[in-house]
Amino acid sequence: MTLILRSVCCITAASFLLLNCAGRKQSAPAGNQLTTTDSKGEELFTTHCVSCHTMEQEEIGPRLGGVTNVLSEKELIAFIKNPNHAIESGNARAVSLSKRYKMIMPPFDFLKDEEIRSILGYIASETKAHNIAPLEVKIDTASNARLAQPVIKTRLRIEVEDFVTIPPSSDKMPRTRIANMRPHPSQDGTLYVSDQRGLIYRISGKDVSTFVDLRSEVENFVNEPGLGTGLGSFAFHPDYLNNGLIYITHTEAPKGKPADYSYSDTIKVALQWVVSEWKVDDVKSPVFKGKRRELLRINVPNVVHGTQDIGFNPDVAKGDKDYGLLYIGTGDGGSTISKYPQLCHSLYSLLGTIIRIDPLGSNSRNGHYGIPADNPFVNEKGDIYKEIYAYGFRNPHRLAWHNGTLFSAEVGESNFEEVNVITKGGDYGWNVREGNYGISSKDLKNVYPVPATETGKFEKPFLQYDHIDGNAISGGYVYEGPIAALKDKYIFGDIVNGRIFYANIDSRLSDQSVYELMIARDGKDTNLIEMSGSKRVDIRIEYNRYTKELYVMTKSDGRIRRVSKAYTLNQP
């Protein structure tokens, strides 16, 4: 089966699938003219590549240095524009690397040849400057073993209909980077949708307008490089109609502003993630006008796995001890793949955590927010972060509540995608666990069954699926609306291939199987790759908890589609 990339990695990643097996320096093949570089190549490399690759270190994907010495420019350009061909043709090296990474990238045919040449020129220049040998590829003829139970095919279908299209935020692909939807707390049907490039849109009926643009409001705001860089998430305070408070996470270029979480200055700061409070003057205004203040600033060593989601427990009323407390999910900041595993999976770090704070309090280290008295580590001694509610996460990408239970969708490394039920003080195991398996300290791609002597006190995933079935989870919500066939199902999906899944939710969480929802439009089966016109769908599942309407968003075309009905086909 053709594997699809878990995340859009650098456009040159797939070229490694054709590398010679030698680990020594080789002469460039005939026809390779990659001898110069320019600033454009470095800029494009930074935009498209560094979230998954470096020149000399293996990260999410293989290292890129040396590739221009083993393949010609013509071969590289052709491969980048149609990476699936190498797998489908049975190329031994391509098949071996696809088994190792369980991924290939979607085609980058939207890039012009001259843009690809610029990137390859930059790689060639860096290769020469640092004398980088090409990657050694070991031929592997073993089967691609499944480690988790397969997703169960069903005859349950959802019908989707067009709702609105968000305006392009760039003239480059993807045209939009829509990521989150929130209903207005007035319950008037107005929706707010964020674009990672720094915009929050207001949707009234089917009219789309800009509510706030961080690019003009925030000094040093950046939305690249990195698939998660930019405006991460936002949330209305549960008492918004009275206090006018919105919370937003975003990234800034490191320009010397002191961080509330930092580390040794021998480790680079790639980005700063910032959580801020925005107070609107008029809660009914269609355009933001007001002021903001910073709550928290976090340094990260890489451009991946940042502060992707925040939220308040919607199932509690004023007076409950959890009311008004902000949950903030932050990944490991790429610390593990960047060879700094000590920066996460620790109570002395905010990386790889879900923290719980009182944004209206002041007893934190910086005095900008409060630490609830019932947080699990509040009475621990030492210089730990008492904000931490749970830890041991790689990338807690989406948070959602159902009857007080917090679900977190965890984007995995190379083998599993997870949905975790968050328990107070829980340790979820990353970077020594992925799924129910242990991780080799020498190779993050290799996992092993955990022996009884090595169990540890790690929380196990509620749900997991194998990278044979998908590559990056897009978390969802438990549906509680009028469509009977979907009731009490946690509906989620896979970011890359656009498949939509569900799990049955009961009070005991007794069913840990993952099922697939089929997609139909006008009574005919389809899929989101066809509908969006992109092989990387970039799906997000959203839900209006007031109207009980379910939405499917796709970045590549900026479309928001509404689920209109669901039904089970009769057996033929």
Protein backbone atom coordinates (compact mmCIF):
# COMPACT_ATOMS: atom_id res chain seq x y z
CA MET A 1 0.00 0.00 0.00
CA THR A 2 1.24 3.48 -0.75
CA LEU A 3 2.07 5.32 2.43
CA ILE A 4 1.23 8.96 2.80
CA LEU A 5 3.33 11.49 4.66
CA ARG A 6 2.40 12.07 8.28
CA SER A 7 3.23 15.72 7.92
CA VAL A 8 4.24 17.70 4.91
CA CYS A 9 7.97 17.38 5.20
CA CYS A 10 10.54 19.20 3.16
CA ILE A 11 10.00 18.93 -0.54
CA THR A 12 13.36 17.22 -0.97
CA ALA A 13 12.66 14.51 1.59
CA ALA A 14 11.45 12.03 -0.94
CA SER A 15 14.67 12.32 -2.89
CA PHE A 16 16.33 10.35 -0.13
CA LEU A 17 14.27 7.40 -1.16
CA LEU A 18 16.56 7.07 -4.17
CA LEU A 19 19.92 7.58 -2.46
CA ASN A 20 22.84 5.27 -3.09
CA CYS A 21 23.67 3.02 -0.18
CA ALA A 22 27.17 4.46 0.27
CA GLY A 23 27.82 6.56 3.33
CA ARG A 24 30.92 8.17 1.79
CA LYS A 25 31.30 11.28 -0.32
CA GLN A 26 30.44 10.68 -3.98
CA SER A 27 30.85 12.60 -7.19
CA ALA A 28 27.78 14.30 -8.54
CA PRO A 29 26.09 12.40 -11.37
CA ALA A 30 26.25 13.67 -14.90
CA GLY A 31 23.92 16.54 -15.59
CA ASN A 32 23.96 17.91 -12.05
CA GLN A 33 24.46 21.66 -12.30
CA LEU A 34 23.82 22.43 -8.64
CA THR A 35 26.89 24.51 -7.86
CA THR A 36 25.48 27.83 -6.70
CA THR A 37 22.93 29.07 -4.22
CA ASP A 38 21.18 32.28 -3.31
CA SER A 39 19.13 33.70 -0.50
CA LYS A 40 15.94 32.55 -2.20
CA GLY A 41 17.00 28.92 -1.86
CA GLU A 42 17.68 29.32 1.84
CA GLU A 43 14.35 31.08 2.32
CA LEU A 44 12.45 28.32 0.52
CA PHE A 45 14.35 25.64 2.41
CA THR A 46 13.47 27.32 5.70
CA THR A 47 9.81 27.56 4.72
CA HIS A 48 9.31 24.05 3.39
CA CYS A 49 11.96 21.85 4.96
CA VAL A 50 13.25 22.66 8.41
CA SER A 51 10.14 21.60 10.30
CA CYS A 52 11.10 18.01 9.51
CA HIS A 53 14.72 18.01 8.37
CA THR A 54 18.23 19.32 8.85
CA MET A 55 21.29 18.84 6.69
CA GLU A 56 23.22 16.55 9.04
CA GLN A 57 20.84 15.21 11.72
CA GLU A 58 17.98 12.75 11.34
CA GLU A 59 14.78 14.30 12.67
CA ILE A 60 11.16 13.63 11.72
CA GLY A 61 12.46 12.78 8.29
CA PRO A 62 15.90 11.86 6.94
CA ARG A 63 18.74 14.35 6.76
CA LEU A 64 19.12 16.18 3.47
CA GLY A 65 22.83 16.94 3.16
CA GLY A 66 24.51 15.08 0.30
CA VAL A 67 21.42 14.29 -1.75
CA THR A 68 22.53 16.53 -4.61
CA ASN A 69 25.72 14.48 -4.96
CA VAL A 70 23.92 11.25 -5.83
CA LEU A 71 21.04 12.35 -8.04
CA SER A 72 20.91 14.77 -10.92
CA GLU A 73 18.87 17.94 -10.91
CA LYS A 74 16.52 16.41 -13.48
CA GLU A 75 15.98 13.30 -11.36
CA LEU A 76 15.38 15.32 -8.21
CA ILE A 77 12.86 17.68 -9.79
CA ALA A 78 10.95 14.80 -11.36
CA PHE A 79 10.92 12.90 -8.09
CA ILE A 80 9.77 15.88 -6.03
CA LYS A 81 6.84 16.41 -8.37
CA ASN A 82 5.77 12.75 -8.27
CA PRO A 83 7.24 11.02 -5.18
CA ASN A 84 4.74 8.15 -5.22
CA HIS A 85 6.25 6.81 -8.42
CA ALA A 86 9.37 5.45 -6.71
CA ILE A 87 7.31 3.42 -4.24
CA GLU A 88 4.88 2.16 -6.83
CA SER A 89 7.71 1.15 -9.15
CA GLY A 90 9.26 -1.02 -6.42
CA ASN A 91 12.55 0.87 -6.14
CA ALA A 92 14.41 -1.01 -3.38
CA ARG A 93 15.86 2.03 -1.68
CA ALA A 94 12.57 3.89 -1.86
CA VAL A 95 10.68 0.96 -0.38
CA SER A 96 13.28 0.55 2.39
CA LEU A 97 13.04 4.17 3.51
CA SER A 98 9.27 4.22 3.27
CA LYS A 99 9.21 1.26 5.66
CA ARG A 100 11.52 3.04 8.06
CA TYR A 101 9.61 6.32 8.10
CA LYS A 102 6.17 4.92 7.22
CA MET A 103 5.69 7.97 5.06
CA ILE A 104 6.28 9.69 1.78
CA MET A 105 5.40 13.24 0.98
CA PRO A 106 2.55 14.32 -1.26
CA PRO A 107 3.58 15.80 -4.61
CA PHE A 108 4.83 19.37 -4.55
CA ASP A 109 3.82 20.07 -8.12
CA PHE A 110 2.72 23.61 -7.24
CA LEU A 111 6.36 24.66 -6.90
CA LYS A 112 8.02 26.00 -10.01
CA ASP A 113 11.12 24.28 -11.36
CA GLU A 114 13.24 27.33 -10.61
CA GLU A 115 12.07 27.30 -6.98
CA ILE A 116 13.07 23.67 -6.61
CA ARG A 117 16.42 24.45 -8.25
CA SER A 118 16.98 27.19 -5.69
CA ILE A 119 16.35 24.78 -2.82
CA LEU A 120 18.59 22.13 -4.33
CA GLY A 121 21.26 24.75 -4.91
CA TYR A 122 21.14 25.69 -1.24
CA ILE A 123 21.45 22.03 -0.23
CA ALA A 124 24.39 21.59 -2.60
CA SER A 125 26.10 24.67 -1.19
CA GLU A 126 25.65 23.50 2.41
CA THR A 127 26.80 20.00 1.47
CA LYS A 128 30.01 21.37 -0.03
CA ALA A 129 30.66 23.85 2.78
CA HIS A 130 30.35 21.19 5.49
CA ASN A 131 31.58 18.18 3.49
CA ILE A 132 28.39 16.21 4.19
CA ALA A 133 28.29 12.60 3.02
CA PRO A 134 25.00 11.29 1.62
CA LEU A 135 22.71 9.24 3.81
CA GLU A 136 23.48 5.54 3.98
CA VAL A 137 20.39 3.57 3.05
CA LYS A 138 20.18 -0.03 4.20
CA ILE A 139 18.04 -2.16 1.96
CA ASP A 140 15.20 -3.70 3.96
CA THR A 141 13.05 -6.39 2.42
CA ALA A 142 11.04 -7.11 5.57
CA SER A 143 7.31 -6.52 5.61
CA ASN A 144 5.83 -3.37 7.02
CA ALA A 145 4.43 -4.85 10.23
CA ARG A 146 1.19 -3.55 11.71
CA LEU A 147 1.54 -2.72 15.40
CA ALA A 148 -2.01 -1.62 16.23
CA GLN A 149 -5.40 -3.07 15.43
CA PRO A 150 -6.63 -1.88 12.02
CA VAL A 151 -9.27 0.79 11.72
CA ILE A 152 -12.60 -0.97 11.31
CA LYS A 153 -14.44 -0.23 8.08
CA THR A 154 -18.15 0.47 8.53
CA ARG A 155 -21.15 1.20 6.35
CA LEU A 156 -21.89 4.37 8.31
CA ARG A 157 -21.76 7.45 6.11
CA ILE A 158 -21.92 11.17 6.68
CA GLU A 159 -23.25 13.59 4.10
CA VAL A 160 -21.42 16.91 3.92
CA GLU A 161 -22.53 20.17 2.35
CA ASP A 162 -20.66 23.38 1.60
CA PHE A 163 -20.98 25.99 4.33
CA VAL A 164 -18.49 28.80 3.67
CA THR A 165 -15.11 29.33 2.02
CA ILE A 166 -12.47 31.28 3.93
CA PRO A 167 -10.57 33.88 1.86
CA PRO A 168 -7.01 32.98 0.80
CA SER A 169 -4.38 34.24 3.23
CA SER A 170 -1.57 33.65 0.75
CA ASP A 171 -1.01 33.33 -2.97
CA LYS A 172 1.00 30.18 -2.24
CA MET A 173 -0.22 26.73 -1.29
CA PRO A 174 -1.91 26.07 0.99
CA ARG A 175 -4.18 29.02 0.23
CA THR A 176 -5.39 29.06 3.82
CA ARG A 177 -4.16 27.57 7.08
CA ILE A 178 -7.50 27.42 8.89
CA ALA A 179 -7.09 25.59 12.17
CA ASN A 180 -9.73 26.26 14.85
CA MET A 181 -13.40 27.17 15.12
CA ARG A 182 -15.18 28.58 18.17
CA PRO A 183 -18.84 29.61 18.53
CA HIS A 184 -19.57 33.03 19.98
CA PRO A 185 -20.58 32.69 23.66
CA SER A 186 -23.79 34.64 23.01
CA GLN A 187 -25.06 31.51 21.21
CA ASP A 188 -26.29 33.70 18.36
CA GLY A 189 -24.87 31.34 15.72
CA THR A 190 -21.82 33.47 14.98
CA LEU A 191 -18.64 31.45 14.47
CA TYR A 192 -14.99 32.44 14.70
CA VAL A 193 -12.30 30.64 12.68
CA SER A 194 -8.54 31.09 12.97
CA ASP A 195 -5.94 30.98 10.21
CA GLN A 196 -2.40 30.21 11.34
CA ARG A 197 -1.11 33.10 9.28
CA GLY A 198 -2.45 35.36 12.03
CA LEU A 199 -6.12 35.94 11.29
CA ILE A 200 -9.32 35.25 13.19
CA TYR A 201 -12.41 35.47 10.99
CA ARG A 202 -15.97 36.14 12.06
CA ILE A 203 -18.71 34.17 10.27
CA SER A 204 -22.22 35.58 10.53
CA GLY A 205 -24.65 33.58 8.46
CA LYS A 206 -22.44 32.99 5.44
CA ASP A 207 -20.67 36.34 5.57
CA VAL A 208 -16.96 36.12 6.40
CA SER A 209 -15.07 39.12 7.77
CA THR A 210 -11.83 39.70 9.67
CA PHE A 211 -12.22 39.99 13.43
CA VAL A 212 -8.52 40.49 14.27
CA ASP A 213 -5.23 40.32 12.37
CA LEU A 214 -2.26 39.50 14.60
CA ARG A 215 0.17 40.51 11.87
CA SER A 216 -0.63 44.15 12.53
CA GLU A 217 -1.11 43.77 16.28
CA VAL A 218 1.90 41.72 17.41
CA GLU A 219 5.50 42.74 16.99
CA ASN A 220 7.73 39.87 15.80
CA PHE A 221 4.75 37.65 14.90
CA VAL A 222 5.80 34.87 12.50
CA ASN A 223 3.87 32.07 10.83
CA GLU A 224 6.73 30.17 9.23
CA PRO A 225 8.73 27.98 9.07
CA GLY A 226 6.89 25.01 10.49
CA LEU A 227 3.50 23.42 9.95
CA GLY A 228 2.25 24.56 13.36
CA THR A 229 3.87 27.99 13.43
CA GLY A 230 1.70 31.09 13.67
CA LEU A 231 -1.63 31.52 15.42
CA GLY A 232 -1.98 28.26 17.32
CA SER A 233 -5.35 28.43 19.02
CA PHE A 234 -7.84 30.70 20.76
CA ALA A 235 -10.58 30.42 23.36
CA PHE A 236 -13.32 32.62 24.77
CA HIS A 237 -13.38 32.92 28.55
CA PRO A 238 -16.58 31.24 29.87
CA ASP A 239 -17.61 34.62 31.32
CA TYR A 240 -16.78 36.42 28.07
CA LEU A 241 -20.11 38.24 27.83
CA ASN A 242 -19.25 40.01 31.08
CA ASN A 243 -15.45 40.31 30.95
CA GLY A 244 -14.73 40.37 27.19
CA LEU A 245 -11.66 38.13 27.48
CA ILE A 246 -10.22 36.00 24.67
CA TYR A 247 -7.04 33.93 24.95
CA ILE A 248 -4.76 33.40 21.95
CA THR A 249 -1.54 31.46 21.39
CA HIS A 250 0.94 32.53 18.73
CA THR A 251 4.60 32.33 17.73
CA GLU A 252 7.20 35.08 17.62
CA ALA A 253 10.70 35.21 16.26
CA PRO A 254 13.19 35.14 19.15
CA LYS A 255 14.26 38.77 19.40
CA GLY A 256 15.59 38.84 22.94
CA LYS A 257 12.36 39.01 24.93
CA PRO A 258 12.85 37.03 28.16
CA ALA A 259 10.90 33.78 28.34
CA ASP A 260 9.09 32.32 31.34
CA TYR A 261 10.38 28.91 30.31
CA SER A 262 13.92 28.79 28.93
CA TYR A 263 16.92 26.48 28.94
CA SER A 264 20.69 26.57 28.51
CA ASP A 265 21.89 29.24 26.10
CA THR A 266 23.99 26.56 24.41
CA ILE A 267 20.74 25.31 22.83
CA LYS A 268 19.19 27.45 20.14
CA VAL A 269 15.81 29.13 20.45
CA ALA A 270 13.94 28.49 17.21
CA LEU A 271 10.68 30.20 18.21
CA GLN A 272 8.87 31.64 21.20
CA TRP A 273 5.32 30.52 21.90
CA VAL A 274 3.22 33.17 23.61
CA VAL A 275 -0.12 32.89 25.42
CA SER A 276 -1.87 36.25 25.71
CA GLU A 277 -5.14 37.70 26.95
CA TRP A 278 -7.11 40.01 24.65
CA LYS A 279 -9.79 42.18 26.23
CA VAL A 280 -12.41 43.54 23.84
CA ASP A 281 -14.10 46.85 24.51
CA ASP A 282 -17.44 45.63 23.12
CA VAL A 283 -18.31 41.91 23.18
CA LYS A 284 -20.78 42.43 20.32
CA SER A 285 -18.38 44.26 18.03
CA PRO A 286 -17.61 42.47 14.73
CA VAL A 287 -14.03 43.82 14.82
CA PHE A 288 -11.57 43.57 17.70
CA LYS A 289 -10.86 46.78 19.52
CA GLY A 290 -9.25 46.64 22.91
CA LYS A 291 -5.99 45.76 24.60
CA ARG A 292 -3.90 42.70 25.31
CA ARG A 293 -1.49 41.46 27.92
CA GLU A 294 0.99 38.60 27.92
CA LEU A 295 0.51 35.65 30.24
CA LEU A 296 3.25 33.21 29.32
CA ARG A 297 6.24 32.98 26.95
CA ILE A 298 7.96 29.67 26.17
CA ASN A 299 11.22 29.07 24.30
CA VAL A 300 11.36 26.04 21.98
CA PRO A 301 14.40 24.54 20.23
CA ASN A 302 12.61 23.60 17.01
CA VAL A 303 9.69 24.84 14.91
CA VAL A 304 7.47 21.81 15.56
CA HIS A 305 5.17 20.67 18.38
CA GLY A 306 4.30 23.98 19.97
CA THR A 307 1.29 25.34 21.84
CA GLN A 308 -1.35 24.01 19.47
CA ASP A 309 -4.52 24.15 21.55
CA ILE A 310 -6.06 25.82 24.58
CA GLY A 311 -9.49 25.62 26.12
CA PHE A 312 -11.82 25.86 29.11
CA ASN A 313 -13.89 22.99 30.47
CA PRO A 314 -17.35 23.79 29.03
CA ASP A 315 -19.15 21.29 31.24
CA VAL A 316 -18.85 23.17 34.54
CA ALA A 317 -20.82 26.12 35.90
CA LYS A 318 -19.66 29.21 37.74
CA GLY A 319 -18.75 28.18 41.28
CA ASP A 320 -17.20 24.87 40.23
CA LYS A 321 -13.48 24.67 41.06
CA ASP A 322 -12.66 24.02 37.39
CA TYR A 323 -14.66 26.98 36.10
CA GLY A 324 -12.59 29.60 34.32
CA LEU A 325 -9.36 27.60 34.41
CA LEU A 326 -7.43 27.58 31.15
CA TYR A 327 -5.89 24.34 29.88
CA ILE A 328 -2.87 24.83 27.62
CA GLY A 329 -1.41 21.98 25.56
CA THR A 330 2.22 22.36 24.51
CA GLY A 331 4.26 19.75 22.66
CA ASP A 332 7.90 18.91 23.20
CA GLY A 333 8.96 21.77 20.92
CA GLY A 334 10.91 19.33 18.79
CA SER A 335 13.33 18.80 21.67
CA THR A 336 13.44 15.03 21.24
CA ILE A 337 14.12 14.97 17.51
CA SER A 338 16.63 17.78 17.99
CA LYS A 339 18.62 15.57 20.39
CA TYR A 340 17.64 17.41 23.58
CA PRO A 341 15.35 14.82 25.20
CA GLN A 342 16.12 16.22 28.64
CA LEU A 343 14.01 19.28 27.83
CA CYS A 344 10.74 17.35 28.02
CA HIS A 345 9.09 14.56 30.05
CA SER A 346 9.93 16.41 33.22
CA LEU A 347 8.15 18.45 35.86
CA TYR A 348 10.98 20.96 35.51
CA SER A 349 9.91 21.83 31.96
CA LEU A 350 6.78 23.18 30.28
CA LEU A 351 7.57 21.26 27.08
CA GLY A 352 5.39 18.20 26.51
CA THR A 353 2.74 19.23 29.02
CA ILE A 354 -0.87 20.19 29.52
CA ILE A 355 -0.91 22.96 32.08
CA ARG A 356 -3.89 24.33 34.00
CA ILE A 357 -3.89 27.96 35.08
CA ASP A 358 -6.19 30.65 36.40
CA PRO A 359 -5.74 33.47 33.88
CA LEU A 360 -7.25 35.93 36.35
CA GLY A 361 -4.91 34.97 39.20
CA SER A 362 -1.39 36.17 40.01
CA ASN A 363 0.52 33.56 42.05
CA SER A 364 2.61 32.25 39.15
CA ARG A 365 6.36 32.84 38.91
CA ASN A 366 5.86 35.85 36.65
CA GLY A 367 2.75 37.10 38.46
CA HIS A 368 0.69 37.16 35.25
CA TYR A 369 -1.67 34.28 36.07
CA GLY A 370 -2.65 32.00 38.91
CA ILE A 371 -1.86 28.39 39.78
CA PRO A 372 -4.95 26.57 41.11
CA ALA A 373 -4.64 25.18 44.61
CA ASP A 374 -5.88 21.75 43.47
CA ASN A 375 -3.33 21.27 40.68
CA PRO A 376 -1.67 17.86 41.09
CA PHE A 377 1.90 19.02 41.77
CA VAL A 378 1.18 22.20 43.68
CA ASN A 379 2.61 20.81 46.93
CA GLU A 380 5.69 19.22 45.39
CA LYS A 381 9.05 20.53 46.55
CA GLY A 382 11.73 21.89 44.28
CA ASP A 383 11.72 24.21 41.32
CA ILE A 384 9.05 22.34 39.39
CA TYR A 385 6.32 23.94 37.31
CA LYS A 386 3.23 23.71 39.46
CA GLU A 387 1.08 24.71 36.50
CA ILE A 388 1.47 21.19 35.10
CA TYR A 389 -1.72 19.13 35.07
CA ALA A 390 -0.38 16.20 33.00
CA TYR A 391 2.85 15.58 31.11
CA GLY A 392 4.75 13.20 28.82
CA PHE A 393 3.31 14.44 25.51
CA ARG A 394 4.89 14.75 22.10
CA ASN A 395 2.22 16.98 20.57
CA PRO A 396 -1.16 17.30 22.35
CA HIS A 397 -2.67 18.72 19.21
CA ARG A 398 -6.34 19.10 20.18
CA LEU A 399 -8.27 19.18 23.46
CA ALA A 400 -11.97 18.40 23.93
CA TRP A 401 -14.30 17.73 26.87
CA HIS A 402 -17.30 15.44 27.22
CA ASN A 403 -19.20 15.29 30.50
CA GLY A 404 -16.13 16.58 32.30
CA THR A 405 -13.71 14.10 30.72
CA LEU A 406 -10.80 15.70 28.87
CA PHE A 407 -9.66 14.05 25.64
CA SER A 408 -6.35 14.95 24.01
CA ALA A 409 -5.34 13.94 20.49
CA GLU A 410 -1.62 13.15 20.39
CA VAL A 411 0.30 13.35 17.11
CA GLY A 412 2.80 10.49 17.13
CA GLU A 413 6.33 9.98 15.87
CA SER A 414 6.61 7.06 13.46
CA ASN A 415 4.19 4.33 14.45
CA PHE A 416 1.07 5.44 16.34
CA GLU A 417 -1.52 8.18 16.63
CA GLU A 418 -3.29 8.40 19.98
CA VAL A 419 -6.32 9.75 21.80
CA ASN A 420 -5.63 10.07 25.51
CA VAL A 421 -8.05 10.50 28.39
CA ILE A 422 -6.33 13.07 30.59
CA THR A 423 -6.04 12.25 34.27
CA LYS A 424 -4.85 14.67 36.91
CA GLY A 425 -1.09 14.23 37.35
CA GLY A 426 -0.86 11.60 34.61
CA ASP A 427 2.41 10.76 32.85
CA TYR A 428 1.75 9.83 29.20
CA GLY A 429 5.21 8.52 28.49
CA TRP A 430 6.75 10.51 25.65
CA ASN A 431 9.74 10.26 24.95
CA VAL A 432 10.06 6.70 26.23
CA ARG A 433 6.64 5.50 25.03
CA GLU A 434 4.72 5.71 21.77
CA GLY A 435 1.33 4.07 21.86
CA ASN A 436 1.61 1.01 24.10
CA TYR A 437 5.20 0.41 23.01
CA GLY A 438 8.58 1.40 24.34
CA ILE A 439 10.91 3.54 22.24
CA SER A 440 14.54 2.80 21.50
CA SER A 441 16.70 5.56 22.94
CA LYS A 442 19.01 5.24 19.93
CA ASP A 443 16.33 5.29 17.24
CA LEU A 444 12.92 6.92 17.68
CA LYS A 445 11.59 5.00 14.68
CA ASN A 446 12.04 1.66 16.45
CA VAL A 447 9.56 0.56 19.11
CA TYR A 448 9.35 -2.63 21.13
CA PRO A 449 6.77 -4.47 23.26
CA VAL A 450 7.16 -3.36 26.85
CA PRO A 451 8.20 -6.21 29.19
CA ALA A 452 6.53 -6.50 32.58
CA THR A 453 9.73 -5.34 34.28
CA GLU A 454 9.61 -2.07 32.35
CA THR A 455 5.99 -1.04 32.67
CA GLY A 456 6.38 2.15 34.72
CA LYS A 457 3.49 4.31 35.80
CA PHE A 458 2.50 5.56 32.37
CA GLU A 459 -1.04 6.25 31.25
CA LYS A 460 -2.02 4.11 28.26
CA PRO A 461 -3.82 5.55 25.23
CA PHE A 462 -7.59 5.29 25.14
CA LEU A 463 -7.43 4.96 21.34
CA GLN A 464 -4.58 4.39 18.93
CA TYR A 465 -4.17 3.69 15.25
CA ASP A 466 -1.20 2.57 13.20
CA HIS A 467 0.64 4.70 10.67
CA ILE A 468 -0.48 2.19 8.07
CA ASP A 469 -3.93 3.76 8.48
CA GLY A 470 -2.88 7.40 8.75
CA ASN A 471 -0.06 9.71 9.65
CA ALA A 472 -1.17 12.55 11.92
CA ILE A 473 -4.29 12.66 14.04
CA SER A 474 -6.73 15.55 13.90
CA GLY A 475 -8.62 15.55 17.18
CA GLY A 476 -12.34 16.01 17.35
CA TYR A 477 -15.38 16.09 19.61
CA VAL A 478 -18.05 13.85 21.06
CA TYR A 479 -21.20 14.51 19.06
CA GLU A 480 -24.30 15.26 21.12
CA GLY A 481 -26.61 16.62 18.42
CA PRO A 482 -29.79 15.52 16.66
CA ILE A 483 -28.20 13.15 14.10
CA ALA A 484 -28.96 9.88 15.87
CA ALA A 485 -26.38 7.79 14.01
CA LEU A 486 -23.56 9.97 15.35
CA LYS A 487 -24.70 10.43 18.92
CA ASP A 488 -22.13 9.66 21.63
CA LYS A 489 -19.36 9.15 19.11
CA TYR A 490 -15.97 10.85 19.37
CA ILE A 491 -15.45 11.97 15.78
CA PHE A 492 -11.92 12.73 14.61
CA GLY A 493 -9.73 12.25 11.57
CA ASP A 494 -6.30 12.05 9.98
CA ILE A 495 -4.77 15.36 8.96
CA VAL A 496 -2.92 14.04 5.93
CA ASN A 497 -5.18 11.56 4.16
CA GLY A 498 -8.47 13.10 5.31
CA ARG A 499 -10.04 9.89 6.56
CA ILE A 500 -12.68 10.45 9.25
CA PHE A 501 -12.84 8.10 12.22
CA TYR A 502 -15.01 7.62 15.28
CA ALA A 503 -15.04 5.86 18.63
CA ASN A 504 -18.10 4.88 20.64
CA ILE A 505 -18.21 6.73 23.95
CA ASP A 506 -20.00 5.41 27.02
CA SER A 507 -19.57 6.20 30.71
CA ARG A 508 -17.01 3.41 31.16
CA LEU A 509 -15.10 4.13 27.92
CA SER A 510 -15.42 0.41 27.26
CA ASP A 511 -14.91 0.39 23.47
CA GLN A 512 -11.36 1.21 22.42
CA SER A 513 -11.79 0.36 18.74
CA VAL A 514 -11.37 2.94 15.99
CA TYR A 515 -13.98 2.91 13.21
CA GLU A 516 -14.06 4.70 9.87
CA LEU A 517 -16.85 6.99 8.74
CA MET A 518 -17.37 7.03 5.00
CA ILE A 519 -18.08 10.36 3.28
CA ALA A 520 -20.82 11.10 0.80
CA ARG A 521 -21.97 14.15 -1.11
CA ASP A 522 -25.33 14.33 -2.85
CA GLY A 523 -25.79 10.63 -2.16
CA LYS A 524 -22.54 9.57 -3.83
CA ASP A 525 -19.46 8.24 -2.07
CA THR A 526 -16.43 10.50 -2.18
CA ASN A 527 -13.45 11.43 -0.04
CA LEU A 528 -11.74 14.60 1.08
CA ILE A 529 -8.78 14.16 -1.25
CA GLU A 530 -11.20 14.35 -4.17
CA MET A 531 -13.24 17.15 -2.64
CA SER A 532 -10.30 19.34 -1.66
CA GLY A 533 -8.21 18.64 -4.74
CA SER A 534 -5.12 18.03 -2.60
CA LYS A 535 -3.32 14.84 -1.62
CA ARG A 536 -2.54 16.47 1.71
CA VAL A 537 -6.02 17.29 2.96
CA ASP A 538 -5.13 19.09 6.22
CA ILE A 539 -8.42 18.24 7.87
CA ARG A 540 -9.82 19.76 11.07
CA ILE A 541 -12.99 18.56 12.81
CA GLU A 542 -15.00 21.30 14.53
CA TYR A 543 -18.20 21.41 16.55
CA ASN A 544 -20.63 24.09 17.67
CA ARG A 545 -21.65 22.89 21.11
CA TYR A 546 -24.54 25.35 21.20
CA THR A 547 -26.22 24.40 17.92
CA LYS A 548 -24.81 20.84 17.95
CA GLU A 549 -23.56 21.18 14.38
CA LEU A 550 -20.49 19.30 13.16
CA TYR A 551 -18.05 20.76 10.63
CA VAL A 552 -15.15 19.53 8.51
CA MET A 553 -12.50 22.11 7.57
CA THR A 554 -9.76 21.68 4.95
CA LYS A 555 -6.80 24.04 4.76
CA SER A 556 -5.84 23.40 1.15
CA ASP A 557 -9.04 24.89 -0.29
CA GLY A 558 -10.24 26.94 2.70
CA ARG A 559 -13.57 25.14 2.69
CA ILE A 560 -15.74 24.61 5.73
CA ARG A 561 -18.29 21.86 5.16
CA ARG A 562 -21.18 21.02 7.44
CA VAL A 563 -22.32 17.48 8.23
CA SER A 564 -25.98 17.40 7.23
CA LYS A 565 -26.92 13.80 8.00
CA ALA A 566 -25.58 10.32 8.68
CA TYR A 567 -26.93 6.91 7.78
CA THR A 568 -25.93 3.27 7.42
CA LEU A 569 -26.13 1.69 3.99
CA ASN A 570 -28.06 -1.55 3.78
CA GLN A 571 -26.05 -4.64 2.95
CA PRO A 572 -26.19 -5.47 -0.78
